Amino acid sequence: AQLASVQGVHMVLVAGDVFDAQGVAERTIHRLFNCLRGYAGP
C-alpha cells in the first residue's frame, strides 16, 4: 500500500490467493483490509 502511494500508481492488481484458506478467522479478514489503508486508489 505504501509502495503504491509513493509510486503514484493508478491502481493495484491482486492476481488471486489473497487468503490462504476459506476458513480464516474474522479478525484476519478485518486485519487484511485494514492493511490496504495506505493506498486510497483502486
PDB file of all heavy atoms in Angstrom:
ATOM      1  N   ALA A   1       0.831  -1.204   0.000  1.00  0.00           N
ATOM      2  CA  ALA A   1       0.000   0.000   0.000  1.00  0.00           C
ATOM      3  C   ALA A   1       0.865   1.253   0.000  1.00  0.00           C
ATOM      4  O   ALA A   1       0.592   2.218  -0.735  1.00  0.00           O
ATOM      5  CB  ALA A   1      -0.938  -0.010   1.211  1.00  0.00           C
ATOM      6  N   GLN A   2       1.928   1.241   0.794  1.00  0.00           N
ATOM      7  CA  GLN A   2       2.839   2.381   0.830  1.00  0.00           C
ATOM      8  C   GLN A   2       3.547   2.552  -0.511  1.00  0.00           C
ATOM      9  O   GLN A   2       3.692   3.671  -1.011  1.00  0.00           O
ATOM     10  CB  GLN A   2       3.865   2.190   1.946  1.00  0.00           C
ATOM     11  CG  GLN A   2       4.823   3.358   2.099  1.00  0.00           C
ATOM     12  CD  GLN A   2       5.834   3.127   3.211  1.00  0.00           C
ATOM     13  OE1 GLN A   2       6.154   2.004   3.555  1.00  0.00           O
ATOM     14  NE2 GLN A   2       6.340   4.222   3.776  1.00  0.00           N
ATOM     15  N   LEU A   3       3.975   1.427  -1.106  1.00  0.00           N
ATOM     16  CA  LEU A   3       4.642   1.477  -2.404  1.00  0.00           C
ATOM     17  C   LEU A   3       3.720   2.059  -3.467  1.00  0.00           C
ATOM     18  O   LEU A   3       4.137   2.906  -4.284  1.00  0.00           O
ATOM     19  CB  LEU A   3       5.086   0.072  -2.807  1.00  0.00           C
ATOM     20  CG  LEU A   3       5.733  -0.093  -4.174  1.00  0.00           C
ATOM     21  CD1 LEU A   3       7.045   0.680  -4.252  1.00  0.00           C
ATOM     22  CD2 LEU A   3       5.962  -1.575  -4.476  1.00  0.00           C
ATOM     23  N   ALA A   4       2.461   1.611  -3.472  1.00  0.00           N
ATOM     24  CA  ALA A   4       1.500   2.121  -4.447  1.00  0.00           C
ATOM     25  C   ALA A   4       1.301   3.620  -4.294  1.00  0.00           C
ATOM     26  O   ALA A   4       1.205   4.358  -5.289  1.00  0.00           O
ATOM     27  CB  ALA A   4       0.169   1.389  -4.286  1.00  0.00           C
ATOM     28  N   SER A   5       1.262   4.088  -3.058  1.00  0.00           N
ATOM     29  CA  SER A   5       1.075   5.509  -2.799  1.00  0.00           C
ATOM     30  C   SER A   5       2.293   6.323  -3.230  1.00  0.00           C
ATOM     31  O   SER A   5       2.173   7.347  -3.907  1.00  0.00           O
ATOM     32  CB  SER A   5       0.782   5.723  -1.311  1.00  0.00           C
ATOM     33  OG  SER A   5       0.551   7.083  -1.034  1.00  0.00           O
ATOM     34  N   VAL A   6       3.474   5.846  -2.854  1.00  0.00           N
ATOM     35  CA  VAL A   6       4.710   6.566  -3.192  1.00  0.00           C
ATOM     36  C   VAL A   6       4.930   6.592  -4.701  1.00  0.00           C
ATOM     37  O   VAL A   6       5.345   7.613  -5.274  1.00  0.00           O
ATOM     38  CB  VAL A   6       5.911   5.916  -2.477  1.00  0.00           C
ATOM     39  CG1 VAL A   6       7.229   6.476  -3.005  1.00  0.00           C
ATOM     40  CG2 VAL A   6       5.813   6.134  -0.970  1.00  0.00           C
ATOM     41  N   GLN A   7       4.644   5.474  -5.364  1.00  0.00           N
ATOM     42  CA  GLN A   7       4.847   5.382  -6.810  1.00  0.00           C
ATOM     43  C   GLN A   7       3.752   6.095  -7.611  1.00  0.00           C
ATOM     44  O   GLN A   7       3.906   6.326  -8.804  1.00  0.00           O
ATOM     45  CB  GLN A   7       4.898   3.915  -7.235  1.00  0.00           C
ATOM     46  CG  GLN A   7       6.152   3.184  -6.816  1.00  0.00           C
ATOM     47  CD  GLN A   7       7.332   3.558  -7.690  1.00  0.00           C
ATOM     48  OE1 GLN A   7       7.187   3.958  -8.835  1.00  0.00           O
ATOM     49  NE2 GLN A   7       8.534   3.432  -7.138  1.00  0.00           N
ATOM     50  N   GLY A   8       2.661   6.442  -6.957  1.00  0.00           N
ATOM     51  CA  GLY A   8       1.574   7.125  -7.641  1.00  0.00           C
ATOM     52  C   GLY A   8       0.918   6.285  -8.722  1.00  0.00           C
ATOM     53  O   GLY A   8       0.567   6.797  -9.795  1.00  0.00           O
ATOM     54  N   VAL A   9       0.721   4.993  -8.437  1.00  0.00           N
ATOM     55  CA  VAL A   9       0.105   4.124  -9.443  1.00  0.00           C
ATOM     56  C   VAL A   9      -1.379   4.439  -9.576  1.00  0.00           C
ATOM     57  O   VAL A   9      -2.005   4.980  -8.662  1.00  0.00           O
ATOM     58  CB  VAL A   9       0.306   2.631  -9.086  1.00  0.00           C
ATOM     59  CG1 VAL A   9       1.790   2.303  -8.944  1.00  0.00           C
ATOM     60  CG2 VAL A   9      -0.449   2.252  -7.822  1.00  0.00           C
ATOM     61  N   HIS A  10      -1.922   4.086 -10.725  1.00  0.00           N
ATOM     62  CA  HIS A  10      -3.347   4.343 -10.953  1.00  0.00           C
ATOM     63  C   HIS A  10      -4.228   3.290 -10.293  1.00  0.00           C
ATOM     64  O   HIS A  10      -5.385   3.575  -9.953  1.00  0.00           O
ATOM     65  CB  HIS A  10      -3.629   4.394 -12.455  1.00  0.00           C
ATOM     66  CG  HIS A  10      -2.992   5.564 -13.130  1.00  0.00           C
ATOM     67  ND1 HIS A  10      -1.838   5.468 -13.879  1.00  0.00           N
ATOM     68  CD2 HIS A  10      -3.336   6.879 -13.141  1.00  0.00           C
ATOM     69  CE1 HIS A  10      -1.504   6.659 -14.334  1.00  0.00           C
ATOM     70  NE2 HIS A  10      -2.396   7.538 -13.912  1.00  0.00           N
ATOM     71  N   MET A  11      -3.693   2.057 -10.134  1.00  0.00           N
ATOM     72  CA  MET A  11      -4.449   1.015  -9.449  1.00  0.00           C
ATOM     73  C   MET A  11      -3.513  -0.122  -9.080  1.00  0.00           C
ATOM     74  O   MET A  11      -2.412  -0.240  -9.631  1.00  0.00           O
ATOM     75  CB  MET A  11      -5.614   0.495 -10.299  1.00  0.00           C
ATOM     76  CG  MET A  11      -5.221  -0.221 -11.557  1.00  0.00           C
ATOM     77  SD  MET A  11      -6.688  -0.707 -12.540  1.00  0.00           S
ATOM     78  CE  MET A  11      -7.371   0.904 -12.940  1.00  0.00           C
ATOM     79  N   VAL A  12      -3.974  -0.952  -8.135  1.00  0.00           N
ATOM     80  CA  VAL A  12      -3.242  -2.146  -7.720  1.00  0.00           C
ATOM     81  C   VAL A  12      -4.020  -3.365  -8.189  1.00  0.00           C
ATOM     82  O   VAL A  12      -5.227  -3.480  -7.939  1.00  0.00           O
ATOM     83  CB  VAL A  12      -3.063  -2.196  -6.189  1.00  0.00           C
ATOM     84  CG1 VAL A  12      -2.296  -3.455  -5.796  1.00  0.00           C
ATOM     85  CG2 VAL A  12      -2.336  -0.948  -5.693  1.00  0.00           C
ATOM     86  N   LEU A  13      -3.335  -4.278  -8.871  1.00  0.00           N
ATOM     87  CA  LEU A  13      -3.937  -5.526  -9.332  1.00  0.00           C
ATOM     88  C   LEU A  13      -3.462  -6.662  -8.431  1.00  0.00           C
ATOM     89  O   LEU A  13      -2.249  -6.853  -8.260  1.00  0.00           O
ATOM     90  CB  LEU A  13      -3.520  -5.818 -10.774  1.00  0.00           C
ATOM     91  CG  LEU A  13      -3.803  -4.721 -11.807  1.00  0.00           C
ATOM     92  CD1 LEU A  13      -3.213  -5.116 -13.154  1.00  0.00           C
ATOM     93  CD2 LEU A  13      -5.304  -4.465 -11.927  1.00  0.00           C
ATOM     94  N   VAL A  14      -4.390  -7.425  -7.882  1.00  0.00           N
ATOM     95  CA  VAL A  14      -4.060  -8.547  -6.997  1.00  0.00           C
ATOM     96  C   VAL A  14      -4.573  -9.820  -7.660  1.00  0.00           C
ATOM     97  O   VAL A  14      -5.780 -10.083  -7.691  1.00  0.00           O
ATOM     98  CB  VAL A  14      -4.675  -8.371  -5.599  1.00  0.00           C
ATOM     99  CG1 VAL A  14      -4.115  -9.434  -4.650  1.00  0.00           C
ATOM    100  CG2 VAL A  14      -4.403  -6.976  -5.053  1.00  0.00           C
ATOM    101  N   ALA A  15      -3.637 -10.644  -8.166  1.00  0.00           N
ATOM    102  CA  ALA A  15      -3.993 -11.755  -9.045  1.00  0.00           C
ATOM    103  C   ALA A  15      -4.234 -13.064  -8.289  1.00  0.00           C
ATOM    104  O   ALA A  15      -3.658 -14.105  -8.601  1.00  0.00           O
ATOM    105  CB  ALA A  15      -2.913 -11.941 -10.103  1.00  0.00           C
ATOM    106  N   GLY A  16      -5.092 -13.019  -7.280  1.00  0.00           N
ATOM    107  CA  GLY A  16      -5.554 -14.243  -6.633  1.00  0.00           C
ATOM    108  C   GLY A  16      -4.773 -14.696  -5.428  1.00  0.00           C
ATOM    109  O   GLY A  16      -3.659 -14.251  -5.171  1.00  0.00           O
ATOM    110  N   ASP A  17      -5.403 -15.610  -4.671  1.00  0.00           N
ATOM    111  CA  ASP A  17      -4.861 -16.134  -3.416  1.00  0.00           C
ATOM    112  C   ASP A  17      -4.527 -15.010  -2.444  1.00  0.00           C
ATOM    113  O   ASP A  17      -3.450 -14.974  -1.850  1.00  0.00           O
ATOM    114  CB  ASP A  17      -3.645 -17.027  -3.656  1.00  0.00           C
ATOM    115  CG  ASP A  17      -4.036 -18.422  -4.127  1.00  0.00           C
ATOM    116  OD1 ASP A  17      -5.244 -18.693  -4.239  1.00  0.00           O
ATOM    117  OD2 ASP A  17      -3.126 -19.235  -4.379  1.00  0.00           O
ATOM    118  N   VAL A  18      -5.476 -14.110  -2.281  1.00  0.00           N
ATOM    119  CA  VAL A  18      -5.344 -13.086  -1.234  1.00  0.00           C
ATOM    120  C   VAL A  18      -5.298 -13.772   0.125  1.00  0.00           C
ATOM    121  O   VAL A  18      -4.471 -13.445   0.973  1.00  0.00           O
ATOM    122  CB  VAL A  18      -6.523 -12.096  -1.313  1.00  0.00           C
ATOM    123  CG1 VAL A  18      -6.497 -11.136  -0.125  1.00  0.00           C
ATOM    124  CG2 VAL A  18      -6.484 -11.335  -2.629  1.00  0.00           C
ATOM    125  N   PHE A  19      -6.181 -14.760   0.322  1.00  0.00           N
ATOM    126  CA  PHE A  19      -6.230 -15.530   1.564  1.00  0.00           C
ATOM    127  C   PHE A  19      -5.694 -16.939   1.321  1.00  0.00           C
ATOM    128  O   PHE A  19      -5.794 -17.476   0.217  1.00  0.00           O
ATOM    129  CB  PHE A  19      -7.662 -15.599   2.098  1.00  0.00           C
ATOM    130  CG  PHE A  19      -8.237 -14.263   2.481  1.00  0.00           C
ATOM    131  CD1 PHE A  19      -9.044 -13.559   1.598  1.00  0.00           C
ATOM    132  CD2 PHE A  19      -7.961 -13.711   3.723  1.00  0.00           C
ATOM    133  CE1 PHE A  19      -9.569 -12.319   1.947  1.00  0.00           C
ATOM    134  CE2 PHE A  19      -8.476 -12.468   4.083  1.00  0.00           C
ATOM    135  CZ  PHE A  19      -9.283 -11.773   3.190  1.00  0.00           C
ATOM    136  N   ASP A  20      -5.158 -17.534   2.368  1.00  0.00           N
ATOM    137  CA  ASP A  20      -4.590 -18.869   2.250  1.00  0.00           C
ATOM    138  C   ASP A  20      -5.662 -19.957   2.310  1.00  0.00           C
ATOM    139  O   ASP A  20      -5.446 -21.057   1.822  1.00  0.00           O
ATOM    140  CB  ASP A  20      -3.562 -19.104   3.362  1.00  0.00           C
ATOM    141  CG  ASP A  20      -2.794 -20.393   3.178  1.00  0.00           C
ATOM    142  OD1 ASP A  20      -2.142 -20.533   2.123  1.00  0.00           O
ATOM    143  OD2 ASP A  20      -2.862 -21.266   4.063  1.00  0.00           O
ATOM    144  N   ALA A  21      -6.809 -19.644   2.902  1.00  0.00           N
ATOM    145  CA  ALA A  21      -7.868 -20.642   3.057  1.00  0.00           C
ATOM    146  C   ALA A  21      -9.205 -19.935   3.234  1.00  0.00           C
ATOM    147  O   ALA A  21      -9.260 -18.762   3.631  1.00  0.00           O
ATOM    148  CB  ALA A  21      -7.590 -21.552   4.263  1.00  0.00           C
ATOM    149  N   GLN A  22     -10.266 -20.664   2.960  1.00  0.00           N
ATOM    150  CA  GLN A  22     -11.609 -20.099   3.097  1.00  0.00           C
ATOM    151  C   GLN A  22     -11.976 -19.841   4.553  1.00  0.00           C
ATOM    152  O   GLN A  22     -12.740 -18.927   4.855  1.00  0.00           O
ATOM    153  CB  GLN A  22     -12.641 -21.057   2.477  1.00  0.00           C
ATOM    154  CG  GLN A  22     -12.431 -21.374   1.016  1.00  0.00           C
ATOM    155  CD  GLN A  22     -12.864 -20.238   0.100  1.00  0.00           C
ATOM    156  OE1 GLN A  22     -13.181 -19.139   0.540  1.00  0.00           O
ATOM    157  NE2 GLN A  22     -12.869 -20.507  -1.197  1.00  0.00           N
ATOM    158  N   GLY A  23     -11.412 -20.641   5.465  1.00  0.00           N
ATOM    159  CA  GLY A  23     -11.862 -20.585   6.854  1.00  0.00           C
ATOM    160  C   GLY A  23     -11.047 -19.695   7.766  1.00  0.00           C
ATOM    161  O   GLY A  23     -11.035 -19.918   8.980  1.00  0.00           O
ATOM    162  N   VAL A  24     -10.356 -18.695   7.227  1.00  0.00           N
ATOM    163  CA  VAL A  24      -9.578 -17.807   8.103  1.00  0.00           C
ATOM    164  C   VAL A  24     -10.512 -17.084   9.072  1.00  0.00           C
ATOM    165  O   VAL A  24     -11.710 -16.910   8.812  1.00  0.00           O
ATOM    166  CB  VAL A  24      -8.769 -16.782   7.273  1.00  0.00           C
ATOM    167  CG1 VAL A  24      -7.735 -17.476   6.407  1.00  0.00           C
ATOM    168  CG2 VAL A  24      -9.694 -15.910   6.423  1.00  0.00           C
ATOM    169  N   ALA A  25      -9.965 -16.653  10.188  1.00  0.00           N
ATOM    170  CA  ALA A  25     -10.765 -16.012  11.228  1.00  0.00           C
ATOM    171  C   ALA A  25     -11.303 -14.659  10.770  1.00  0.00           C
ATOM    172  O   ALA A  25     -10.711 -14.000   9.911  1.00  0.00           O
ATOM    173  CB  ALA A  25      -9.920 -15.825  12.492  1.00  0.00           C
ATOM    174  N   GLU A  26     -12.410 -14.247  11.356  1.00  0.00           N
ATOM    175  CA  GLU A  26     -12.967 -12.932  11.032  1.00  0.00           C
ATOM    176  C   GLU A  26     -11.966 -11.830  11.310  1.00  0.00           C
ATOM    177  O   GLU A  26     -11.862 -10.853  10.548  1.00  0.00           O
ATOM    178  CB  GLU A  26     -14.255 -12.696  11.830  1.00  0.00           C
ATOM    179  CG  GLU A  26     -15.417 -13.555  11.393  1.00  0.00           C
ATOM    180  CD  GLU A  26     -16.705 -13.203  12.124  1.00  0.00           C
ATOM    181  OE1 GLU A  26     -16.688 -12.234  12.926  1.00  0.00           O
ATOM    182  OE2 GLU A  26     -17.723 -13.884  11.893  1.00  0.00           O
ATOM    183  N   ARG A  27     -11.233 -11.966  12.394  1.00  0.00           N
ATOM    184  CA  ARG A  27     -10.216 -10.966  12.728  1.00  0.00           C
ATOM    185  C   ARG A  27      -9.197 -10.849  11.602  1.00  0.00           C
ATOM    186  O   ARG A  27      -8.745  -9.737  11.257  1.00  0.00           O
ATOM    187  CB  ARG A  27      -9.509 -11.348  14.035  1.00  0.00           C
ATOM    188  CG  ARG A  27      -8.368 -10.429  14.432  1.00  0.00           C
ATOM    189  CD  ARG A  27      -7.823 -10.831  15.798  1.00  0.00           C
ATOM    190  NE  ARG A  27      -6.729  -9.965  16.207  1.00  0.00           N
ATOM    191  CZ  ARG A  27      -5.440 -10.200  15.940  1.00  0.00           C
ATOM    192  NH1 ARG A  27      -5.099 -11.289  15.256  1.00  0.00           N
ATOM    193  NH2 ARG A  27      -4.509  -9.372  16.359  1.00  0.00           N
ATOM    194  N   THR A  28      -8.824 -11.981  10.995  1.00  0.00           N
ATOM    195  CA  THR A  28      -7.860 -11.973   9.899  1.00  0.00           C
ATOM    196  C   THR A  28      -8.418 -11.221   8.693  1.00  0.00           C
ATOM    197  O   THR A  28      -7.701 -10.459   8.032  1.00  0.00           O
ATOM    198  CB  THR A  28      -7.506 -13.422   9.510  1.00  0.00           C
ATOM    199  OG1 THR A  28      -6.885 -14.064  10.624  1.00  0.00           O
ATOM    200  CG2 THR A  28      -6.584 -13.462   8.308  1.00  0.00           C
ATOM    201  N   ILE A  29      -9.694 -11.414   8.402  1.00  0.00           N
ATOM    202  CA  ILE A  29     -10.322 -10.707   7.288  1.00  0.00           C
ATOM    203  C   ILE A  29     -10.287  -9.201   7.518  1.00  0.00           C
ATOM    204  O   ILE A  29      -9.889  -8.428   6.634  1.00  0.00           O
ATOM    205  CB  ILE A  29     -11.773 -11.192   7.104  1.00  0.00           C
ATOM    206  CG1 ILE A  29     -11.790 -12.672   6.683  1.00  0.00           C
ATOM    207  CG2 ILE A  29     -12.504 -10.339   6.068  1.00  0.00           C
ATOM    208  CD1 ILE A  29     -13.173 -13.295   6.655  1.00  0.00           C
ATOM    209  N   HIS A  30     -10.700  -8.773   8.699  1.00  0.00           N
ATOM    210  CA  HIS A  30     -10.692  -7.341   9.005  1.00  0.00           C
ATOM    211  C   HIS A  30      -9.277  -6.779   8.943  1.00  0.00           C
ATOM    212  O   HIS A  30      -9.044  -5.687   8.406  1.00  0.00           O
ATOM    213  CB  HIS A  30     -11.295  -7.094  10.386  1.00  0.00           C
ATOM    214  CG  HIS A  30     -12.789  -7.156  10.424  1.00  0.00           C
ATOM    215  ND1 HIS A  30     -13.585  -6.251   9.757  1.00  0.00           N
ATOM    216  CD2 HIS A  30     -13.639  -8.013  11.060  1.00  0.00           C
ATOM    217  CE1 HIS A  30     -14.856  -6.538   9.974  1.00  0.00           C
ATOM    218  NE2 HIS A  30     -14.925  -7.603  10.759  1.00  0.00           N
ATOM    219  N   ARG A  31      -8.311  -7.501   9.511  1.00  0.00           N
ATOM    220  CA  ARG A  31      -6.933  -7.014   9.520  1.00  0.00           C
ATOM    221  C   ARG A  31      -6.403  -6.826   8.107  1.00  0.00           C
ATOM    222  O   ARG A  31      -5.725  -5.846   7.810  1.00  0.00           O
ATOM    223  CB  ARG A  31      -6.029  -7.986  10.276  1.00  0.00           C
ATOM    224  CG  ARG A  31      -6.138  -7.923  11.794  1.00  0.00           C
ATOM    225  CD  ARG A  31      -4.934  -8.581  12.436  1.00  0.00           C
ATOM    226  NE  ARG A  31      -3.696  -7.883  12.124  1.00  0.00           N
ATOM    227  CZ  ARG A  31      -2.480  -8.394  12.282  1.00  0.00           C
ATOM    228  NH1 ARG A  31      -2.343  -9.637  12.713  1.00  0.00           N
ATOM    229  NH2 ARG A  31      -1.412  -7.693  11.999  1.00  0.00           N
ATOM    230  N   LEU A  32      -6.703  -7.789   7.238  1.00  0.00           N
ATOM    231  CA  LEU A  32      -6.205  -7.693   5.866  1.00  0.00           C
ATOM    232  C   LEU A  32      -6.687  -6.414   5.198  1.00  0.00           C
ATOM    233  O   LEU A  32      -5.899  -5.652   4.632  1.00  0.00           O
ATOM    234  CB  LEU A  32      -6.633  -8.924   5.071  1.00  0.00           C
ATOM    235  CG  LEU A  32      -6.247  -9.032   3.587  1.00  0.00           C
ATOM    236  CD1 LEU A  32      -7.195  -8.302   2.668  1.00  0.00           C
ATOM    237  CD2 LEU A  32      -4.813  -8.537   3.357  1.00  0.00           C
ATOM    238  N   PHE A  33      -7.982  -6.169   5.253  1.00  0.00           N
ATOM    239  CA  PHE A  33      -8.497  -4.989   4.558  1.00  0.00           C
ATOM    240  C   PHE A  33      -8.052  -3.690   5.225  1.00  0.00           C
ATOM    241  O   PHE A  33      -7.902  -2.664   4.540  1.00  0.00           O
ATOM    242  CB  PHE A  33     -10.013  -5.083   4.416  1.00  0.00           C
ATOM    243  CG  PHE A  33     -10.440  -6.107   3.408  1.00  0.00           C
ATOM    244  CD1 PHE A  33     -11.049  -7.288   3.819  1.00  0.00           C
ATOM    245  CD2 PHE A  33     -10.198  -5.915   2.065  1.00  0.00           C
ATOM    246  CE1 PHE A  33     -11.427  -8.252   2.889  1.00  0.00           C
ATOM    247  CE2 PHE A  33     -10.576  -6.872   1.124  1.00  0.00           C
ATOM    248  CZ  PHE A  33     -11.182  -8.040   1.537  1.00  0.00           C
ATOM    249  N   ASN A  34      -7.801  -3.724   6.521  1.00  0.00           N
ATOM    250  CA  ASN A  34      -7.236  -2.541   7.181  1.00  0.00           C
ATOM    251  C   ASN A  34      -5.818  -2.253   6.695  1.00  0.00           C
ATOM    252  O   ASN A  34      -5.371  -1.099   6.691  1.00  0.00           O
ATOM    253  CB  ASN A  34      -7.237  -2.716   8.698  1.00  0.00           C
ATOM    254  CG  ASN A  34      -8.600  -2.484   9.310  1.00  0.00           C
ATOM    255  OD1 ASN A  34      -9.397  -1.701   8.797  1.00  0.00           O
ATOM    256  ND2 ASN A  34      -8.886  -3.167  10.411  1.00  0.00           N
ATOM    257  N   CYS A  35      -5.100  -3.294   6.267  1.00  0.00           N
ATOM    258  CA  CYS A  35      -3.730  -3.108   5.765  1.00  0.00           C
ATOM    259  C   CYS A  35      -3.692  -2.329   4.453  1.00  0.00           C
ATOM    260  O   CYS A  35      -2.627  -1.853   4.047  1.00  0.00           O
ATOM    261  CB  CYS A  35      -3.059  -4.464   5.560  1.00  0.00           C
ATOM    262  SG  CYS A  35      -2.602  -5.323   7.084  1.00  0.00           S
ATOM    263  N   LEU A  36      -4.830  -2.201   3.783  1.00  0.00           N
ATOM    264  CA  LEU A  36      -4.874  -1.509   2.495  1.00  0.00           C
ATOM    265  C   LEU A  36      -4.998   0.002   2.637  1.00  0.00           C
ATOM    266  O   LEU A  36      -4.930   0.728   1.633  1.00  0.00           O
ATOM    267  CB  LEU A  36      -6.064  -2.021   1.667  1.00  0.00           C
ATOM    268  CG  LEU A  36      -6.219  -3.538   1.496  1.00  0.00           C
ATOM    269  CD1 LEU A  36      -7.401  -3.830   0.589  1.00  0.00           C
ATOM    270  CD2 LEU A  36      -4.955  -4.174   0.956  1.00  0.00           C
ATOM    271  N   ARG A  37      -5.172   0.493   3.843  1.00  0.00           N
ATOM    272  CA  ARG A  37      -5.497   1.903   4.037  1.00  0.00           C
ATOM    273  C   ARG A  37      -4.423   2.859   3.548  1.00  0.00           C
ATOM    274  O   ARG A  37      -4.701   4.033   3.274  1.00  0.00           O
ATOM    275  CB  ARG A  37      -5.782   2.169   5.518  1.00  0.00           C
ATOM    276  CG  ARG A  37      -7.085   1.552   6.016  1.00  0.00           C
ATOM    277  CD  ARG A  37      -7.316   1.841   7.478  1.00  0.00           C
ATOM    278  NE  ARG A  37      -6.250   1.273   8.310  1.00  0.00           N
ATOM    279  CZ  ARG A  37      -6.178   1.428   9.630  1.00  0.00           C
ATOM    280  NH1 ARG A  37      -7.094   2.150  10.267  1.00  0.00           N
ATOM    281  NH2 ARG A  37      -5.195   0.863  10.304  1.00  0.00           N
ATOM    282  N   GLY A  38      -3.193   2.387   3.411  1.00  0.00           N
ATOM    283  CA  GLY A  38      -2.109   3.271   2.977  1.00  0.00           C
ATOM    284  C   GLY A  38      -2.199   3.703   1.531  1.00  0.00           C
ATOM    285  O   GLY A  38      -1.445   4.589   1.096  1.00  0.00           O
ATOM    286  N   TYR A  39      -3.093   3.084   0.763  1.00  0.00           N
ATOM    287  CA  TYR A  39      -3.284   3.493  -0.631  1.00  0.00           C
ATOM    288  C   TYR A  39      -4.771   3.670  -0.880  1.00  0.00           C
ATOM    289  O   TYR A  39      -5.553   2.721  -0.769  1.00  0.00           O
ATOM    290  CB  TYR A  39      -2.711   2.441  -1.587  1.00  0.00           C
ATOM    291  CG  TYR A  39      -3.005   2.726  -3.041  1.00  0.00           C
ATOM    292  CD1 TYR A  39      -2.450   3.829  -3.682  1.00  0.00           C
ATOM    293  CD2 TYR A  39      -3.857   1.898  -3.772  1.00  0.00           C
ATOM    294  CE1 TYR A  39      -2.722   4.100  -5.013  1.00  0.00           C
ATOM    295  CE2 TYR A  39      -4.138   2.158  -5.116  1.00  0.00           C
ATOM    296  CZ  TYR A  39      -3.563   3.259  -5.730  1.00  0.00           C
ATOM    297  OH  TYR A  39      -3.839   3.530  -7.047  1.00  0.00           O
ATOM    298  N   ALA A  40      -5.173   4.888  -1.241  1.00  0.00           N
ATOM    299  CA  ALA A  40      -6.596   5.219  -1.375  1.00  0.00           C
ATOM    300  C   ALA A  40      -7.132   4.973  -2.773  1.00  0.00           C
ATOM    301  O   ALA A  40      -8.341   5.094  -3.001  1.00  0.00           O
ATOM    302  CB  ALA A  40      -6.824   6.682  -0.996  1.00  0.00           C
ATOM    303  N   GLY A  41      -6.264   4.629  -3.720  1.00  0.00           N
ATOM    304  CA  GLY A  41      -6.714   4.375  -5.078  1.00  0.00           C
ATOM    305  C   GLY A  41      -7.370   3.012  -5.208  1.00  0.00           C
ATOM    306  O   GLY A  41      -7.538   2.281  -4.220  1.00  0.00           O
ATOM    307  N   PRO A  42      -7.726   2.628  -6.435  1.00  0.00           N
ATOM    308  CA  PRO A  42      -8.438   1.364  -6.644  1.00  0.00           C
ATOM    309  C   PRO A  42      -7.550   0.136  -6.424  1.00  0.00           C
ATOM    310  O   PRO A  42      -6.398   0.090  -6.879  1.00  0.00           O
ATOM    311  CB  PRO A  42      -8.882   1.435  -8.110  1.00  0.00           C
ATOM    312  CG  PRO A  42      -8.713   2.858  -8.519  1.00  0.00           C
ATOM    313  CD  PRO A  42      -7.611   3.412  -7.683  1.00  0.00           C
TER     314      PRO A  42
END
